Each structure stands twice: as C-alpha cells, then as structure tokens.
Amino acid sequence: MERSDTLLRRSLLVNGVFSISTGLIAFLFADAISEFMSIEALVLRFIGVAVLVFGLAVYWFSRHETIERGFAVFTTVADLA
C-alpha cells in the first residue's frame, strides 16, 4: 500500500469517527446545546442525524479495499460546507 493511500484511508477513518461522535452529541444533547446556541432542538437533532449518517458513510468507505477519488473529493467538499 502506498503512503498516500494509507494517509487518505486514515484521514477518512478519523473523519468518519469524528463525524459519528459529533452527530451523536448533537442528537443526544440537542436540548442543552439549543439553549446555549439559541437554535431549535429539532434543528439540532436533524443536523445530528445528517452528520451521523455522513460519518457512517465515510467510515464505511474508508474500510473498502479501494477508495474512489470522487468520494474523497466529495468528503472534503462536504467537510468544508
């Protein structure tokens, strides 16, 4: 395995784990976070679920034998959004 492939795989893996954690926190603690940020708890729960699903997809694709370049680009763009 090439070094760049290993770096990409590890980066996507960490990204997936971080996104899963963030999504769970946003979903589970939406009430407390909503008071602090003045955002509706329902909106935070929706965002939490979306980030959780994104994180699961990133984690799952990072475990594939080959990582498609398009998915890596999509992940980078989605992280910037």
Protein backbone atom coordinates (compact mmCIF):
# COMPACT_ATOMS: atom_id res chain seq x y z
CA MET A 1 0.00 0.00 0.00
CA GLU A 2 1.35 3.40 -0.93
CA ARG A 3 1.95 6.03 1.69
CA SER A 4 -0.60 8.46 0.19
CA ASP A 5 -3.23 5.70 0.17
CA THR A 6 -2.57 4.97 3.84
CA LEU A 7 -2.77 8.67 4.71
CA LEU A 8 -6.05 9.07 2.83
CA ARG A 9 -7.52 5.95 4.43
CA ARG A 10 -6.54 7.04 7.94
CA SER A 11 -7.78 10.57 7.33
CA LEU A 12 -11.17 9.29 6.16
CA LEU A 13 -11.34 6.88 9.10
CA VAL A 14 -10.68 9.66 11.62
CA ASN A 15 -13.12 11.92 9.78
CA GLY A 16 -15.80 9.23 10.00
CA VAL A 17 -15.27 8.62 13.71
CA PHE A 18 -15.28 12.36 14.45
CA SER A 19 -18.45 12.90 12.40
CA ILE A 20 -20.21 9.98 14.10
CA SER A 21 -19.26 11.39 17.52
CA THR A 22 -20.36 14.90 16.61
CA GLY A 23 -23.65 13.67 15.18
CA LEU A 24 -24.41 11.64 18.29
CA ILE A 25 -23.59 14.56 20.58
CA ALA A 26 -25.78 16.94 18.56
CA PHE A 27 -28.66 14.46 18.58
CA LEU A 28 -28.44 13.33 22.20
CA PHE A 29 -27.75 16.73 23.77
CA ALA A 30 -29.85 18.87 21.41
CA ASP A 31 -31.86 20.42 24.25
CA ALA A 32 -28.82 21.65 26.17
CA ILE A 33 -26.99 22.81 23.05
CA SER A 34 -30.09 24.59 21.73
CA GLU A 35 -30.34 26.72 24.87
CA PHE A 36 -26.70 27.68 24.57
CA MET A 37 -26.81 28.44 20.82
CA SER A 38 -30.39 29.77 20.58
CA ILE A 39 -31.29 27.21 17.91
CA GLU A 40 -34.33 24.94 17.94
CA ALA A 41 -33.58 21.50 19.39
CA LEU A 42 -35.39 19.87 16.46
CA VAL A 43 -33.00 21.54 14.02
CA LEU A 44 -30.02 20.28 16.01
CA ARG A 45 -31.44 16.77 16.06
CA PHE A 46 -31.89 16.87 12.28
CA ILE A 47 -28.33 18.12 11.82
CA GLY A 48 -27.10 15.46 14.25
CA VAL A 49 -28.76 12.67 12.27
CA ALA A 50 -27.41 14.04 8.98
CA VAL A 51 -23.86 14.27 10.34
CA LEU A 52 -24.18 10.80 11.88
CA VAL A 53 -25.24 9.27 8.55
CA PHE A 54 -22.42 11.13 6.77
CA GLY A 55 -19.93 9.85 9.35
CA LEU A 56 -21.12 6.28 8.98
CA ALA A 57 -20.76 6.51 5.20
CA VAL A 58 -17.25 7.96 5.45
CA TYR A 59 -16.22 5.31 7.96
CA TRP A 60 -17.68 2.53 5.81
CA PHE A 61 -15.98 3.76 2.63
CA SER A 62 -12.66 4.18 4.46
CA ARG A 63 -12.72 0.44 5.18
CA HIS A 64 -13.05 -0.51 1.48
CA GLU A 65 -10.07 -2.03 -0.27
CA THR A 66 -10.03 0.75 -2.85
CA ILE A 67 -11.09 4.29 -2.13
CA GLU A 68 -12.66 6.13 -5.03
CA ARG A 69 -11.13 9.53 -5.68
CA GLY A 70 -14.57 11.04 -6.24
CA PHE A 71 -15.68 10.01 -2.77
CA ALA A 72 -12.57 11.51 -1.21
CA VAL A 73 -13.24 14.80 -3.05
CA PHE A 74 -16.92 14.71 -2.01
CA THR A 75 -15.91 14.17 1.62
CA THR A 76 -13.51 17.10 1.51
CA VAL A 77 -16.13 19.41 -0.04
CA ALA A 78 -18.80 18.25 2.42
CA ASP A 79 -16.46 18.96 5.34
CA LEU A 80 -15.92 22.49 4.07
CA ALA A 81 -19.67 23.16 3.88
